[in-house]
mmCIF file of all heavy atoms, coordinates in Angstrom:
data_MODEL
# 
_entry.id   MODEL 
# 
loop_
_atom_site.group_PDB 
_atom_site.id 
_atom_site.type_symbol 
_atom_site.label_atom_id 
_atom_site.label_alt_id 
_atom_site.label_comp_id 
_atom_site.label_asym_id 
_atom_site.label_entity_id 
_atom_site.label_seq_id 
_atom_site.pdbx_PDB_ins_code 
_atom_site.Cartn_x 
_atom_site.Cartn_y 
_atom_site.Cartn_z 
_atom_site.occupancy 
_atom_site.B_iso_or_equiv 
_atom_site.pdbx_formal_charge 
_atom_site.auth_seq_id 
_atom_site.auth_comp_id 
_atom_site.auth_asym_id 
_atom_site.auth_atom_id 
_atom_site.pdbx_PDB_model_num 
ATOM 1   N N   . ASP A 1 1  ? -28.099 11.454 2.141   1.00 0.00 ? 1  ASP A N   1 
ATOM 2   C CA  . ASP A 1 1  ? -27.878 10.973 0.770   1.00 0.00 ? 1  ASP A CA  1 
ATOM 3   C C   . ASP A 1 1  ? -27.799 9.460  0.633   1.00 0.00 ? 1  ASP A C   1 
ATOM 4   O O   . ASP A 1 1  ? -27.978 8.932  -0.473  1.00 0.00 ? 1  ASP A O   1 
ATOM 5   C CB  . ASP A 1 1  ? -26.585 11.570 0.209   1.00 0.00 ? 1  ASP A CB  1 
ATOM 6   C CG  . ASP A 1 1  ? -26.661 13.074 0.028   1.00 0.00 ? 1  ASP A CG  1 
ATOM 7   O OD1 . ASP A 1 1  ? -27.614 13.693 0.533   1.00 0.00 ? 1  ASP A OD1 1 
ATOM 8   O OD2 . ASP A 1 1  ? -25.763 13.652 -0.612  1.00 0.00 ? 1  ASP A OD2 1 
ATOM 9   N N   . TYR A 1 2  ? -27.529 8.750  1.728   1.00 0.00 ? 2  TYR A N   1 
ATOM 10  C CA  . TYR A 1 2  ? -27.296 7.301  1.620   1.00 0.00 ? 2  TYR A CA  1 
ATOM 11  C C   . TYR A 1 2  ? -28.133 6.478  2.600   1.00 0.00 ? 2  TYR A C   1 
ATOM 12  O O   . TYR A 1 2  ? -27.815 5.313  2.853   1.00 0.00 ? 2  TYR A O   1 
ATOM 13  C CB  . TYR A 1 2  ? -25.814 6.989  1.833   1.00 0.00 ? 2  TYR A CB  1 
ATOM 14  C CG  . TYR A 1 2  ? -24.910 7.668  0.820   1.00 0.00 ? 2  TYR A CG  1 
ATOM 15  C CD1 . TYR A 1 2  ? -24.273 8.870  1.130   1.00 0.00 ? 2  TYR A CD1 1 
ATOM 16  C CD2 . TYR A 1 2  ? -24.718 7.128  -0.449  1.00 0.00 ? 2  TYR A CD2 1 
ATOM 17  C CE1 . TYR A 1 2  ? -23.455 9.507  0.203   1.00 0.00 ? 2  TYR A CE1 1 
ATOM 18  C CE2 . TYR A 1 2  ? -23.903 7.759  -1.386  1.00 0.00 ? 2  TYR A CE2 1 
ATOM 19  C CZ  . TYR A 1 2  ? -23.283 8.951  -1.050  1.00 0.00 ? 2  TYR A CZ  1 
ATOM 20  O OH  . TYR A 1 2  ? -22.487 9.580  -1.966  1.00 0.00 ? 2  TYR A OH  1 
ATOM 21  N N   . GLY A 1 3  ? -29.161 7.094  3.139   1.00 0.00 ? 3  GLY A N   1 
ATOM 22  C CA  . GLY A 1 3  ? -30.040 6.350  4.037   1.00 0.00 ? 3  GLY A CA  1 
ATOM 23  C C   . GLY A 1 3  ? -29.367 5.849  5.285   1.00 0.00 ? 3  GLY A C   1 
ATOM 24  O O   . GLY A 1 3  ? -29.807 4.862  5.890   1.00 0.00 ? 3  GLY A O   1 
ATOM 25  N N   . GLY A 1 4  ? -28.281 6.511  5.684   1.00 0.00 ? 4  GLY A N   1 
ATOM 26  C CA  . GLY A 1 4  ? -27.569 6.106  6.891   1.00 0.00 ? 4  GLY A CA  1 
ATOM 27  C C   . GLY A 1 4  ? -26.623 4.945  6.699   1.00 0.00 ? 4  GLY A C   1 
ATOM 28  O O   . GLY A 1 4  ? -26.035 4.453  7.661   1.00 0.00 ? 4  GLY A O   1 
ATOM 29  N N   . GLU A 1 5  ? -26.455 4.509  5.453   1.00 0.00 ? 5  GLU A N   1 
ATOM 30  C CA  . GLU A 1 5  ? -25.568 3.384  5.158   1.00 0.00 ? 5  GLU A CA  1 
ATOM 31  C C   . GLU A 1 5  ? -24.261 3.882  4.524   1.00 0.00 ? 5  GLU A C   1 
ATOM 32  O O   . GLU A 1 5  ? -24.270 4.819  3.720   1.00 0.00 ? 5  GLU A O   1 
ATOM 33  C CB  . GLU A 1 5  ? -26.245 2.397  4.196   1.00 0.00 ? 5  GLU A CB  1 
ATOM 34  C CG  . GLU A 1 5  ? -27.517 1.769  4.742   1.00 0.00 ? 5  GLU A CG  1 
ATOM 35  C CD  . GLU A 1 5  ? -27.250 0.857  5.918   1.00 0.00 ? 5  GLU A CD  1 
ATOM 36  O OE1 . GLU A 1 5  ? -26.168 0.212  5.940   1.00 0.00 ? 5  GLU A OE1 1 
ATOM 37  O OE2 . GLU A 1 5  ? -28.109 0.777  6.819   1.00 0.00 ? 5  GLU A OE2 1 
ATOM 38  N N   . VAL A 1 6  ? -23.157 3.238  4.880   1.00 0.00 ? 6  VAL A N   1 
ATOM 39  C CA  . VAL A 1 6  ? -21.867 3.583  4.287   1.00 0.00 ? 6  VAL A CA  1 
ATOM 40  C C   . VAL A 1 6  ? -21.786 2.950  2.900   1.00 0.00 ? 6  VAL A C   1 
ATOM 41  O O   . VAL A 1 6  ? -21.908 1.726  2.775   1.00 0.00 ? 6  VAL A O   1 
ATOM 42  C CB  . VAL A 1 6  ? -20.701 3.074  5.160   1.00 0.00 ? 6  VAL A CB  1 
ATOM 43  C CG1 . VAL A 1 6  ? -19.356 3.360  4.471   1.00 0.00 ? 6  VAL A CG1 1 
ATOM 44  C CG2 . VAL A 1 6  ? -20.735 3.741  6.533   1.00 0.00 ? 6  VAL A CG2 1 
ATOM 45  N N   . PRO A 1 7  ? -21.592 3.738  1.853   1.00 0.00 ? 7  PRO A N   1 
ATOM 46  C CA  . PRO A 1 7  ? -21.531 3.165  0.503   1.00 0.00 ? 7  PRO A CA  1 
ATOM 47  C C   . PRO A 1 7  ? -20.270 2.332  0.310   1.00 0.00 ? 7  PRO A C   1 
ATOM 48  O O   . PRO A 1 7  ? -19.240 2.587  0.937   1.00 0.00 ? 7  PRO A O   1 
ATOM 49  C CB  . PRO A 1 7  ? -21.518 4.409  -0.398  1.00 0.00 ? 7  PRO A CB  1 
ATOM 50  C CG  . PRO A 1 7  ? -20.943 5.490  0.456   1.00 0.00 ? 7  PRO A CG  1 
ATOM 51  C CD  . PRO A 1 7  ? -21.436 5.204  1.841   1.00 0.00 ? 7  PRO A CD  1 
ATOM 52  N N   . ASP A 1 8  ? -20.350 1.329  -0.560  1.00 0.00 ? 8  ASP A N   1 
ATOM 53  C CA  . ASP A 1 8  ? -19.196 0.464  -0.798  1.00 0.00 ? 8  ASP A CA  1 
ATOM 54  C C   . ASP A 1 8  ? -18.431 0.842  -2.065  1.00 0.00 ? 8  ASP A C   1 
ATOM 55  O O   . ASP A 1 8  ? -17.468 0.172  -2.437  1.00 0.00 ? 8  ASP A O   1 
ATOM 56  C CB  . ASP A 1 8  ? -19.618 -1.007 -0.869  1.00 0.00 ? 8  ASP A CB  1 
ATOM 57  C CG  . ASP A 1 8  ? -20.534 -1.303 -2.057  1.00 0.00 ? 8  ASP A CG  1 
ATOM 58  O OD1 . ASP A 1 8  ? -20.933 -0.348 -2.752  1.00 0.00 ? 8  ASP A OD1 1 
ATOM 59  O OD2 . ASP A 1 8  ? -20.844 -2.483 -2.281  1.00 0.00 ? 8  ASP A OD2 1 
ATOM 60  N N   . ASP A 1 9  ? -18.843 1.916  -2.715  1.00 0.00 ? 9  ASP A N   1 
ATOM 61  C CA  . ASP A 1 9  ? -18.201 2.352  -3.950  1.00 0.00 ? 9  ASP A CA  1 
ATOM 62  C C   . ASP A 1 9  ? -17.255 3.512  -3.642  1.00 0.00 ? 9  ASP A C   1 
ATOM 63  O O   . ASP A 1 9  ? -17.634 4.476  -2.968  1.00 0.00 ? 9  ASP A O   1 
ATOM 64  C CB  . ASP A 1 9  ? -19.262 2.792  -4.958  1.00 0.00 ? 9  ASP A CB  1 
ATOM 65  C CG  . ASP A 1 9  ? -18.638 3.247  -6.270  1.00 0.00 ? 9  ASP A CG  1 
ATOM 66  O OD1 . ASP A 1 9  ? -18.257 2.375  -7.069  1.00 0.00 ? 9  ASP A OD1 1 
ATOM 67  O OD2 . ASP A 1 9  ? -18.519 4.467  -6.474  1.00 0.00 ? 9  ASP A OD2 1 
ATOM 68  N N   . ALA A 1 10 ? -16.032 3.438  -4.146  1.00 0.00 ? 10 ALA A N   1 
ATOM 69  C CA  . ALA A 1 10 ? -15.019 4.452  -3.865  1.00 0.00 ? 10 ALA A CA  1 
ATOM 70  C C   . ALA A 1 10 ? -15.452 5.837  -4.322  1.00 0.00 ? 10 ALA A C   1 
ATOM 71  O O   . ALA A 1 10 ? -15.199 6.838  -3.638  1.00 0.00 ? 10 ALA A O   1 
ATOM 72  C CB  . ALA A 1 10 ? -13.697 4.069  -4.525  1.00 0.00 ? 10 ALA A CB  1 
ATOM 73  N N   . LYS A 1 11 ? -16.112 5.916  -5.467  1.00 0.00 ? 11 LYS A N   1 
ATOM 74  C CA  . LYS A 1 11 ? -16.537 7.215  -5.996  1.00 0.00 ? 11 LYS A CA  1 
ATOM 75  C C   . LYS A 1 11 ? -17.554 7.876  -5.074  1.00 0.00 ? 11 LYS A C   1 
ATOM 76  O O   . LYS A 1 11 ? -17.613 9.108  -4.983  1.00 0.00 ? 11 LYS A O   1 
ATOM 77  C CB  . LYS A 1 11 ? -17.124 7.049  -7.401  1.00 0.00 ? 11 LYS A CB  1 
ATOM 78  C CG  . LYS A 1 11 ? -16.095 6.647  -8.449  1.00 0.00 ? 11 LYS A CG  1 
ATOM 79  C CD  . LYS A 1 11 ? -16.739 6.513  -9.831  1.00 0.00 ? 11 LYS A CD  1 
ATOM 80  C CE  . LYS A 1 11 ? -15.712 6.123  -10.883 1.00 0.00 ? 11 LYS A CE  1 
ATOM 81  N NZ  . LYS A 1 11 ? -16.321 5.968  -12.230 1.00 0.00 ? 11 LYS A NZ  1 
ATOM 82  N N   . GLU A 1 12 ? -18.358 7.064  -4.418  1.00 0.00 ? 12 GLU A N   1 
ATOM 83  C CA  . GLU A 1 12 ? -19.330 7.610  -3.474  1.00 0.00 ? 12 GLU A CA  1 
ATOM 84  C C   . GLU A 1 12 ? -18.668 7.936  -2.138  1.00 0.00 ? 12 GLU A C   1 
ATOM 85  O O   . GLU A 1 12 ? -18.983 8.962  -1.517  1.00 0.00 ? 12 GLU A O   1 
ATOM 86  C CB  . GLU A 1 12 ? -20.478 6.619  -3.261  1.00 0.00 ? 12 GLU A CB  1 
ATOM 87  C CG  . GLU A 1 12 ? -21.277 6.316  -4.514  1.00 0.00 ? 12 GLU A CG  1 
ATOM 88  C CD  . GLU A 1 12 ? -21.890 7.568  -5.129  1.00 0.00 ? 12 GLU A CD  1 
ATOM 89  O OE1 . GLU A 1 12 ? -22.439 8.400  -4.374  1.00 0.00 ? 12 GLU A OE1 1 
ATOM 90  O OE2 . GLU A 1 12 ? -21.811 7.734  -6.372  1.00 0.00 ? 12 GLU A OE2 1 
ATOM 91  N N   . LEU A 1 13 ? -17.745 7.101  -1.708  1.00 0.00 ? 13 LEU A N   1 
ATOM 92  C CA  . LEU A 1 13 ? -17.075 7.332  -0.428  1.00 0.00 ? 13 LEU A CA  1 
ATOM 93  C C   . LEU A 1 13 ? -16.314 8.655  -0.410  1.00 0.00 ? 13 LEU A C   1 
ATOM 94  O O   . LEU A 1 13 ? -16.355 9.394  0.577   1.00 0.00 ? 13 LEU A O   1 
ATOM 95  C CB  . LEU A 1 13 ? -16.120 6.175  -0.117  1.00 0.00 ? 13 LEU A CB  1 
ATOM 96  C CG  . LEU A 1 13 ? -16.757 4.882  0.394   1.00 0.00 ? 13 LEU A CG  1 
ATOM 97  C CD1 . LEU A 1 13 ? -15.750 3.737  0.353   1.00 0.00 ? 13 LEU A CD1 1 
ATOM 98  C CD2 . LEU A 1 13 ? -17.291 5.076  1.812   1.00 0.00 ? 13 LEU A CD2 1 
ATOM 99  N N   . VAL A 1 14 ? -15.613 8.950  -1.498  1.00 0.00 ? 14 VAL A N   1 
ATOM 100 C CA  . VAL A 1 14 ? -14.798 10.174 -1.505  1.00 0.00 ? 14 VAL A CA  1 
ATOM 101 C C   . VAL A 1 14 ? -15.646 11.444 -1.616  1.00 0.00 ? 14 VAL A C   1 
ATOM 102 O O   . VAL A 1 14 ? -15.113 12.555 -1.496  1.00 0.00 ? 14 VAL A O   1 
ATOM 103 C CB  . VAL A 1 14 ? -13.739 10.141 -2.635  1.00 0.00 ? 14 VAL A CB  1 
ATOM 104 C CG1 . VAL A 1 14 ? -12.748 9.021  -2.414  1.00 0.00 ? 14 VAL A CG1 1 
ATOM 105 C CG2 . VAL A 1 14 ? -14.395 10.040 -4.007  1.00 0.00 ? 14 VAL A CG2 1 
ATOM 106 N N   . LYS A 1 15 ? -16.937 11.297 -1.820  1.00 0.00 ? 15 LYS A N   1 
ATOM 107 C CA  . LYS A 1 15 ? -17.825 12.463 -1.791  1.00 0.00 ? 15 LYS A CA  1 
ATOM 108 C C   . LYS A 1 15 ? -18.087 12.912 -0.351  1.00 0.00 ? 15 LYS A C   1 
ATOM 109 O O   . LYS A 1 15 ? -18.484 14.056 -0.114  1.00 0.00 ? 15 LYS A O   1 
ATOM 110 C CB  . LYS A 1 15 ? -19.166 12.132 -2.464  1.00 0.00 ? 15 LYS A CB  1 
ATOM 111 C CG  . LYS A 1 15 ? -19.088 11.905 -3.966  1.00 0.00 ? 15 LYS A CG  1 
ATOM 112 C CD  . LYS A 1 15 ? -20.469 11.566 -4.513  1.00 0.00 ? 15 LYS A CD  1 
ATOM 113 C CE  . LYS A 1 15 ? -20.426 11.294 -6.017  1.00 0.00 ? 15 LYS A CE  1 
ATOM 114 N NZ  . LYS A 1 15 ? -21.769 10.925 -6.545  1.00 0.00 ? 15 LYS A NZ  1 
ATOM 115 N N   . LEU A 1 16 ? -17.868 12.018 0.590   1.00 0.00 ? 16 LEU A N   1 
ATOM 116 C CA  . LEU A 1 16 ? -18.135 12.322 1.990   1.00 0.00 ? 16 LEU A CA  1 
ATOM 117 C C   . LEU A 1 16 ? -17.084 13.288 2.528   1.00 0.00 ? 16 LEU A C   1 
ATOM 118 O O   . LEU A 1 16 ? -15.893 13.142 2.234   1.00 0.00 ? 16 LEU A O   1 
ATOM 119 C CB  . LEU A 1 16 ? -18.133 11.037 2.822   1.00 0.00 ? 16 LEU A CB  1 
ATOM 120 C CG  . LEU A 1 16 ? -19.195 9.997  2.471   1.00 0.00 ? 16 LEU A CG  1 
ATOM 121 C CD1 . LEU A 1 16 ? -18.903 8.682  3.185   1.00 0.00 ? 16 LEU A CD1 1 
ATOM 122 C CD2 . LEU A 1 16 ? -20.579 10.514 2.836   1.00 0.00 ? 16 LEU A CD2 1 
ATOM 123 N N   . PRO A 1 17 ? -17.466 14.271 3.321   1.00 0.00 ? 17 PRO A N   1 
ATOM 124 C CA  . PRO A 1 17 ? -16.516 15.230 3.886   1.00 0.00 ? 17 PRO A CA  1 
ATOM 125 C C   . PRO A 1 17 ? -15.408 14.535 4.675   1.00 0.00 ? 17 PRO A C   1 
ATOM 126 O O   . PRO A 1 17 ? -15.672 13.651 5.494   1.00 0.00 ? 17 PRO A O   1 
ATOM 127 C CB  . PRO A 1 17 ? -17.390 16.083 4.808   1.00 0.00 ? 17 PRO A CB  1 
ATOM 128 C CG  . PRO A 1 17 ? -18.751 16.005 4.198   1.00 0.00 ? 17 PRO A CG  1 
ATOM 129 C CD  . PRO A 1 17 ? -18.864 14.606 3.673   1.00 0.00 ? 17 PRO A CD  1 
ATOM 130 N N   . GLY A 1 18 ? -14.170 14.912 4.403   1.00 0.00 ? 18 GLY A N   1 
ATOM 131 C CA  . GLY A 1 18 ? -13.029 14.361 5.124   1.00 0.00 ? 18 GLY A CA  1 
ATOM 132 C C   . GLY A 1 18 ? -12.538 13.023 4.633   1.00 0.00 ? 18 GLY A C   1 
ATOM 133 O O   . GLY A 1 18 ? -11.553 12.484 5.155   1.00 0.00 ? 18 GLY A O   1 
ATOM 134 N N   . VAL A 1 19 ? -13.197 12.448 3.637   1.00 0.00 ? 19 VAL A N   1 
ATOM 135 C CA  . VAL A 1 19 ? -12.831 11.124 3.147   1.00 0.00 ? 19 VAL A CA  1 
ATOM 136 C C   . VAL A 1 19 ? -12.063 11.250 1.836   1.00 0.00 ? 19 VAL A C   1 
ATOM 137 O O   . VAL A 1 19 ? -12.593 11.723 0.830   1.00 0.00 ? 19 VAL A O   1 
ATOM 138 C CB  . VAL A 1 19 ? -14.076 10.238 2.940   1.00 0.00 ? 19 VAL A CB  1 
ATOM 139 C CG1 . VAL A 1 19 ? -13.676 8.881  2.359   1.00 0.00 ? 19 VAL A CG1 1 
ATOM 140 C CG2 . VAL A 1 19 ? -14.814 10.054 4.262   1.00 0.00 ? 19 VAL A CG2 1 
ATOM 141 N N   . GLY A 1 20 ? -10.802 10.833 1.854   1.00 0.00 ? 20 GLY A N   1 
ATOM 142 C CA  . GLY A 1 20 ? -9.983  10.825 0.655   1.00 0.00 ? 20 GLY A CA  1 
ATOM 143 C C   . GLY A 1 20 ? -9.815  9.421  0.120   1.00 0.00 ? 20 GLY A C   1 
ATOM 144 O O   . GLY A 1 20 ? -10.435 8.464  0.609   1.00 0.00 ? 20 GLY A O   1 
ATOM 145 N N   . ARG A 1 21 ? -8.955  9.271  -0.850  1.00 0.00 ? 21 ARG A N   1 
ATOM 146 C CA  . ARG A 1 21 ? -8.758  7.983  -1.509  1.00 0.00 ? 21 ARG A CA  1 
ATOM 147 C C   . ARG A 1 21 ? -8.245  6.912  -0.544  1.00 0.00 ? 21 ARG A C   1 
ATOM 148 O O   . ARG A 1 21 ? -8.698  5.773  -0.574  1.00 0.00 ? 21 ARG A O   1 
ATOM 149 C CB  . ARG A 1 21 ? -7.775  8.141  -2.683  1.00 0.00 ? 21 ARG A CB  1 
ATOM 150 C CG  . ARG A 1 21 ? -7.608  6.880  -3.518  1.00 0.00 ? 21 ARG A CG  1 
ATOM 151 C CD  . ARG A 1 21 ? -6.642  7.089  -4.671  1.00 0.00 ? 21 ARG A CD  1 
ATOM 152 N NE  . ARG A 1 21 ? -6.544  5.904  -5.502  1.00 0.00 ? 21 ARG A NE  1 
ATOM 153 C CZ  . ARG A 1 21 ? -7.331  5.630  -6.529  1.00 0.00 ? 21 ARG A CZ  1 
ATOM 154 N NH1 . ARG A 1 21 ? -8.278  6.501  -6.851  1.00 0.00 ? 21 ARG A NH1 1 
ATOM 155 N NH2 . ARG A 1 21 ? -7.188  4.527  -7.230  1.00 0.00 ? 21 ARG A NH2 1 
ATOM 156 N N   . LYS A 1 22 ? -7.309  7.294  0.334   1.00 0.00 ? 22 LYS A N   1 
ATOM 157 C CA  . LYS A 1 22 ? -6.760  6.315  1.275   1.00 0.00 ? 22 LYS A CA  1 
ATOM 158 C C   . LYS A 1 22 ? -7.845  5.781  2.201   1.00 0.00 ? 22 LYS A C   1 
ATOM 159 O O   . LYS A 1 22 ? -7.965  4.567  2.409   1.00 0.00 ? 22 LYS A O   1 
ATOM 160 C CB  . LYS A 1 22 ? -5.641  6.949  2.104   1.00 0.00 ? 22 LYS A CB  1 
ATOM 161 C CG  . LYS A 1 22 ? -4.874  5.944  2.964   1.00 0.00 ? 22 LYS A CG  1 
ATOM 162 C CD  . LYS A 1 22 ? -4.241  6.583  4.167   1.00 0.00 ? 22 LYS A CD  1 
ATOM 163 C CE  . LYS A 1 22 ? -5.254  6.827  5.263   1.00 0.00 ? 22 LYS A CE  1 
ATOM 164 N NZ  . LYS A 1 22 ? -4.665  7.272  6.545   1.00 0.00 ? 22 LYS A NZ  1 
ATOM 165 N N   . THR A 1 23 ? -8.634  6.685  2.771   1.00 0.00 ? 23 THR A N   1 
ATOM 166 C CA  . THR A 1 23 ? -9.705  6.261  3.672   1.00 0.00 ? 23 THR A CA  1 
ATOM 167 C C   . THR A 1 23 ? -10.714 5.390  2.939   1.00 0.00 ? 23 THR A C   1 
ATOM 168 O O   . THR A 1 23 ? -11.173 4.367  3.473   1.00 0.00 ? 23 THR A O   1 
ATOM 169 C CB  . THR A 1 23 ? -10.408 7.491  4.276   1.00 0.00 ? 23 THR A CB  1 
ATOM 170 O OG1 . THR A 1 23 ? -9.464  8.231  5.056   1.00 0.00 ? 23 THR A OG1 1 
ATOM 171 C CG2 . THR A 1 23 ? -11.573 7.088  5.164   1.00 0.00 ? 23 THR A CG2 1 
ATOM 172 N N   . ALA A 1 24 ? -11.068 5.779  1.726   1.00 0.00 ? 24 ALA A N   1 
ATOM 173 C CA  . ALA A 1 24 ? -12.017 4.988  0.940   1.00 0.00 ? 24 ALA A CA  1 
ATOM 174 C C   . ALA A 1 24 ? -11.469 3.584  0.679   1.00 0.00 ? 24 ALA A C   1 
ATOM 175 O O   . ALA A 1 24 ? -12.207 2.587  0.766   1.00 0.00 ? 24 ALA A O   1 
ATOM 176 C CB  . ALA A 1 24 ? -12.308 5.693  -0.387  1.00 0.00 ? 24 ALA A CB  1 
ATOM 177 N N   . ASN A 1 25 ? -10.197 3.491  0.375   1.00 0.00 ? 25 ASN A N   1 
ATOM 178 C CA  . ASN A 1 25 ? -9.594  2.183  0.121   1.00 0.00 ? 25 ASN A CA  1 
ATOM 179 C C   . ASN A 1 25 ? -9.565  1.318  1.373   1.00 0.00 ? 25 ASN A C   1 
ATOM 180 O O   . ASN A 1 25 ? -9.734  0.092  1.295   1.00 0.00 ? 25 ASN A O   1 
ATOM 181 C CB  . ASN A 1 25 ? -8.180  2.354  -0.432  1.00 0.00 ? 25 ASN A CB  1 
ATOM 182 C CG  . ASN A 1 25 ? -8.168  2.729  -1.905  1.00 0.00 ? 25 ASN A CG  1 
ATOM 183 O OD1 . ASN A 1 25 ? -9.177  2.597  -2.593  1.00 0.00 ? 25 ASN A OD1 1 
ATOM 184 N ND2 . ASN A 1 25 ? -7.038  3.188  -2.402  1.00 0.00 ? 25 ASN A ND2 1 
ATOM 185 N N   . VAL A 1 26 ? -9.325  1.938  2.530   1.00 0.00 ? 26 VAL A N   1 
ATOM 186 C CA  . VAL A 1 26 ? -9.357  1.178  3.787   1.00 0.00 ? 26 VAL A CA  1 
ATOM 187 C C   . VAL A 1 26 ? -10.743 0.593  4.004   1.00 0.00 ? 26 VAL A C   1 
ATOM 188 O O   . VAL A 1 26 ? -10.897 -0.592 4.341   1.00 0.00 ? 26 VAL A O   1 
ATOM 189 C CB  . VAL A 1 26 ? -8.959  2.065  4.986   1.00 0.00 ? 26 VAL A CB  1 
ATOM 190 C CG1 . VAL A 1 26 ? -9.254  1.346  6.306   1.00 0.00 ? 26 VAL A CG1 1 
ATOM 191 C CG2 . VAL A 1 26 ? -7.480  2.431  4.920   1.00 0.00 ? 26 VAL A CG2 1 
ATOM 192 N N   . LEU A 1 27 ? -11.781 1.402  3.819   1.00 0.00 ? 27 LEU A N   1 
ATOM 193 C CA  . LEU A 1 27 ? -13.158 0.911  4.002   1.00 0.00 ? 27 LEU A CA  1 
ATOM 194 C C   . LEU A 1 27 ? -13.467 -0.225 3.043   1.00 0.00 ? 27 LEU A C   1 
ATOM 195 O O   . LEU A 1 27 ? -14.058 -1.242 3.426   1.00 0.00 ? 27 LEU A O   1 
ATOM 196 C CB  . LEU A 1 27 ? -14.145 2.059  3.772   1.00 0.00 ? 27 LEU A CB  1 
ATOM 197 C CG  . LEU A 1 27 ? -14.688 2.786  4.995   1.00 0.00 ? 27 LEU A CG  1 
ATOM 198 C CD1 . LEU A 1 27 ? -15.609 1.868  5.786   1.00 0.00 ? 27 LEU A CD1 1 
ATOM 199 C CD2 . LEU A 1 27 ? -13.570 3.309  5.876   1.00 0.00 ? 27 LEU A CD2 1 
ATOM 200 N N   . GLN A 1 28 ? -13.055 -0.067 1.802   1.00 0.00 ? 28 GLN A N   1 
ATOM 201 C CA  . GLN A 1 28 ? -13.360 -1.092 0.808   1.00 0.00 ? 28 GLN A CA  1 
ATOM 202 C C   . GLN A 1 28 ? -12.649 -2.404 1.127   1.00 0.00 ? 28 GLN A C   1 
ATOM 203 O O   . GLN A 1 28 ? -13.227 -3.480 0.980   1.00 0.00 ? 28 GLN A O   1 
ATOM 204 C CB  . GLN A 1 28 ? -12.964 -0.604 -0.581  1.00 0.00 ? 28 GLN A CB  1 
ATOM 205 C CG  . GLN A 1 28 ? -13.891 0.459  -1.131  1.00 0.00 ? 28 GLN A CG  1 
ATOM 206 C CD  . GLN A 1 28 ? -13.635 0.735  -2.592  1.00 0.00 ? 28 GLN A CD  1 
ATOM 207 O OE1 . GLN A 1 28 ? -12.560 1.175  -2.967  1.00 0.00 ? 28 GLN A OE1 1 
ATOM 208 N NE2 . GLN A 1 28 ? -14.604 0.430  -3.424  1.00 0.00 ? 28 GLN A NE2 1 
ATOM 209 N N   . ALA A 1 29 ? -11.399 -2.314 1.565   1.00 0.00 ? 29 ALA A N   1 
ATOM 210 C CA  . ALA A 1 29 ? -10.636 -3.527 1.840   1.00 0.00 ? 29 ALA A CA  1 
ATOM 211 C C   . ALA A 1 29 ? -11.061 -4.193 3.146   1.00 0.00 ? 29 ALA A C   1 
ATOM 212 O O   . ALA A 1 29 ? -11.325 -5.396 3.191   1.00 0.00 ? 29 ALA A O   1 
ATOM 213 C CB  . ALA A 1 29 ? -9.138  -3.208 1.878   1.00 0.00 ? 29 ALA A CB  1 
ATOM 214 N N   . VAL A 1 30 ? -11.125 -3.408 4.227   1.00 0.00 ? 30 VAL A N   1 
ATOM 215 C CA  . VAL A 1 30 ? -11.356 -3.973 5.561   1.00 0.00 ? 30 VAL A CA  1 
ATOM 216 C C   . VAL A 1 30 ? -12.810 -4.382 5.762   1.00 0.00 ? 30 VAL A C   1 
ATOM 217 O O   . VAL A 1 30 ? -13.088 -5.475 6.262   1.00 0.00 ? 30 VAL A O   1 
ATOM 218 C CB  . VAL A 1 30 ? -10.922 -2.970 6.653   1.00 0.00 ? 30 VAL A CB  1 
ATOM 219 C CG1 . VAL A 1 30 ? -11.279 -3.495 8.034   1.00 0.00 ? 30 VAL A CG1 1 
ATOM 220 C CG2 . VAL A 1 30 ? -9.420  -2.704 6.562   1.00 0.00 ? 30 VAL A CG2 1 
# 
């Protein structure tokens, strides 16, 4: 779905299996 790239949008990140709001926020911040 993303061409092998990690999306930078929280709404897209939380669509990934096992990824919740906390994990998405860590990716966005770090």
